[in-house]
Protein backbone atom coordinates (compact mmCIF):
# COMPACT_ATOMS: atom_id res chain seq x y z
CA UNK A 1 0.01 0.01 0.01
CA UNK A 2 1.00 3.62 -0.40
CA UNK A 3 0.10 6.67 1.61
CA UNK A 4 0.83 9.46 -0.85
CA UNK A 5 0.09 13.11 -1.58
CA UNK A 6 -1.60 13.23 -4.96
CA UNK A 7 -1.48 17.06 -4.93
CA UNK A 8 2.37 17.13 -4.70
CA UNK A 9 4.49 16.80 -7.84
CA UNK A 10 7.63 15.66 -5.95
CA UNK A 11 5.67 13.04 -3.97
CA UNK A 12 4.04 11.77 -7.19
CA UNK A 13 7.54 11.39 -8.65
CA UNK A 14 8.67 9.55 -5.53
CA UNK A 15 5.61 7.27 -5.73
CA UNK A 16 6.27 6.51 -9.38
CA UNK A 17 9.89 5.66 -8.66
CA UNK A 18 8.88 3.36 -5.75
CA UNK A 19 6.24 1.65 -7.90
CA UNK A 20 8.74 1.11 -10.77
CA UNK A 21 11.30 -0.36 -8.40
CA UNK A 22 9.06 -2.70 -6.47
CA UNK A 23 7.10 -3.92 -9.42
CA UNK A 24 10.41 -4.65 -11.20
CA UNK A 25 11.31 -6.73 -8.12
CA UNK A 26 8.14 -8.74 -8.35
CA UNK A 27 5.88 -7.00 -5.84
CA UNK A 28 2.47 -5.60 -6.74
CA UNK A 29 1.06 -2.25 -5.72
CA UNK A 30 -2.14 -2.53 -3.79
CA UNK A 31 -4.19 0.43 -2.53
CA UNK A 32 -2.96 3.98 -2.85
CA UNK A 33 -4.49 6.53 -0.49
CA UNK A 34 -4.21 10.35 -0.61
CA UNK A 35 -2.99 12.09 2.48
CA UNK A 36 -2.90 15.42 0.63
CA UNK A 37 0.45 16.26 2.30
CA UNK A 38 -1.40 17.03 5.56
CA UNK A 39 -0.64 14.90 8.62
CA UNK A 40 -4.23 14.55 9.85
CA UNK A 41 -5.44 13.66 6.34
CA UNK A 42 -2.60 11.18 5.93
CA UNK A 43 -3.57 9.51 9.31
CA UNK A 44 -7.19 9.13 8.30
CA UNK A 45 -6.18 7.78 4.90
CA UNK A 46 -3.68 5.40 6.49
CA UNK A 47 -6.28 4.18 8.96
CA UNK A 48 -8.62 3.49 6.03
CA UNK A 49 -5.82 1.70 4.19
CA UNK A 50 -5.09 -0.57 7.15
CA UNK A 51 -8.70 -1.23 7.94
CA UNK A 52 -9.64 -1.97 4.33
CA UNK A 53 -6.61 -4.23 3.85
CA UNK A 54 -6.22 -6.37 7.00
CA UNK A 55 -3.60 -8.58 5.24
CA UNK A 56 -1.51 -5.61 4.15
CA UNK A 57 2.14 -6.25 5.05
CA UNK A 58 4.11 -3.35 3.47
CA UNK A 59 3.39 0.40 3.27
CA UNK A 60 5.27 3.20 1.60
CA UNK A 61 4.81 6.79 2.70
CA UNK A 62 5.87 9.48 0.13
CA UNK A 63 6.64 12.28 2.55
CA UNK A 64 6.91 13.40 6.09
CA UNK A 65 3.16 14.11 6.75
CA UNK A 66 2.34 10.73 5.17
CA UNK A 67 4.87 8.90 7.37
CA UNK A 68 3.77 10.64 10.55
CA UNK A 69 0.14 9.87 9.71
CA UNK A 70 0.93 6.29 8.90
CA UNK A 71 2.85 5.91 12.18
CA UNK A 72 -0.18 7.18 14.12
CA UNK A 73 -2.52 4.86 12.24
CA UNK A 74 -0.37 1.86 12.73
CA UNK A 75 -0.12 2.51 16.46
CA UNK A 76 -3.85 3.26 16.83
CA UNK A 77 -4.68 -0.05 15.17
CA UNK A 78 -1.93 -2.01 16.92
CA UNK A 79 -0.60 -3.05 13.55
CA UNK A 80 3.10 -2.87 14.40
CA UNK A 81 3.43 -6.69 14.30
CA UNK A 82 1.94 -7.00 10.81
CA UNK A 83 3.12 -3.96 8.92
CA UNK A 84 6.54 -3.01 7.69
CA UNK A 85 6.91 0.53 6.44
CA UNK A 86 9.37 2.77 4.60
CA UNK A 87 9.06 6.47 4.04
CA UNK A 88 10.57 9.91 3.84
CA UNK A 89 12.00 12.35 6.44
CA UNK A 90 12.82 11.73 10.10
CA UNK A 91 10.40 12.82 12.75
CA UNK A 92 9.90 11.70 16.32
CA UNK A 93 7.15 9.20 15.29
CA UNK A 94 9.37 7.86 12.57
CA UNK A 95 12.32 7.40 15.00
CA UNK A 96 10.00 5.54 17.36
CA UNK A 97 8.88 3.29 14.56
CA UNK A 98 12.52 2.65 13.51
CA UNK A 99 13.43 1.84 17.14
CA UNK A 100 10.43 -0.51 17.45
CA UNK A 101 11.54 -2.17 14.16
CA UNK A 102 8.31 -1.88 12.12
CA UNK A 103 9.63 1.06 10.12
CA UNK A 104 12.36 -0.53 8.08
CA UNK A 105 13.83 2.62 6.51
CA UNK A 106 13.51 6.37 6.12
CA UNK A 107 14.89 8.34 3.27
CA UNK A 108 16.52 11.42 4.94
CA UNK A 109 17.24 14.39 2.80
CA UNK A 110 20.21 16.69 3.54
CA UNK A 111 18.25 19.97 3.67
CA UNK A 112 21.38 22.01 4.55
CA UNK A 113 23.13 20.82 1.44
CA UNK A 114 19.99 21.58 -0.65
CA UNK A 115 20.00 25.13 0.52
CA UNK A 116 23.79 25.52 0.13
CA UNK A 117 23.79 24.18 -3.41
CA UNK A 118 20.74 26.30 -4.37
CA UNK A 119 22.39 29.48 -3.09
CA UNK A 120 25.67 28.69 -4.72
CA UNK A 121 23.86 28.22 -8.08
CA UNK A 122 21.93 31.42 -7.57
CA UNK A 123 25.10 33.36 -6.92
CA UNK A 124 26.69 31.85 -9.99
CA UNK A 125 23.76 32.77 -12.12
CA UNK A 126 23.75 36.31 -10.75
CA UNK A 127 27.40 36.63 -11.63
CA UNK A 128 26.82 35.37 -15.11
CA UNK A 129 28.54 31.99 -14.52
CA UNK A 130 27.15 28.75 -15.96
CA UNK A 131 25.39 26.25 -13.70
CA UNK A 132 24.41 22.67 -14.07
CA UNK A 133 20.80 22.05 -14.85
CA UNK A 134 20.67 19.30 -12.26
CA UNK A 135 22.70 19.22 -9.11
CA UNK A 136 22.05 15.95 -7.14
CA UNK A 137 22.35 16.07 -3.36
CA UNK A 138 23.06 12.84 -1.51
CA UNK A 139 20.55 11.37 0.86
CA UNK A 140 20.90 8.93 3.68
CA UNK A 141 18.93 5.79 4.35
CA UNK A 142 18.11 5.60 8.09
CA UNK A 143 17.38 2.10 9.41
CA UNK A 144 16.71 0.56 12.83
CA UNK A 145 20.44 -0.27 12.98
CA UNK A 146 21.76 3.25 12.32
CA UNK A 147 18.99 5.57 13.53
CA UNK A 148 21.03 6.82 16.47
CA UNK A 149 23.56 8.34 13.94
CA UNK A 150 20.89 10.62 12.53
CA UNK A 151 19.09 11.91 15.59
CA UNK A 152 20.82 15.27 15.10
CA UNK A 153 18.27 16.00 12.33
CA UNK A 154 15.64 16.34 15.10
CA UNK A 155 17.56 18.78 17.17
CA UNK A 156 16.07 22.20 17.01
């Protein structure tokens, strides 16, 4: 199953990439629900997903609101023993799920590097220098085994 945000271009791209990868690996995509990139909507959508699919084993969340909503839904339904999830962006609920082991992985973006690279490109453009059309920024995959290495993302 997928908890997505059908109103978000980037999350639709993430969803398509996920679907392409898992179907190439032999899995099938079941129900896709729309959390609209709003945590409360994502939780309601995830609760409907879990209730409507009692044999669902795997869920992908396309963004932070979707993953937080999914985490709340899994806990409210006591589904930690039957669901394995992956998603985007660390949050306290995601860390708890990683520590409990039912969240298998979280894609963590390096937001500092995004900002740094964007400003460097903007300065280059302002100075008349050429810039690359695409400038990839590395991400990290946070797992139950390495979550303690990434808790600094939650420090405020």
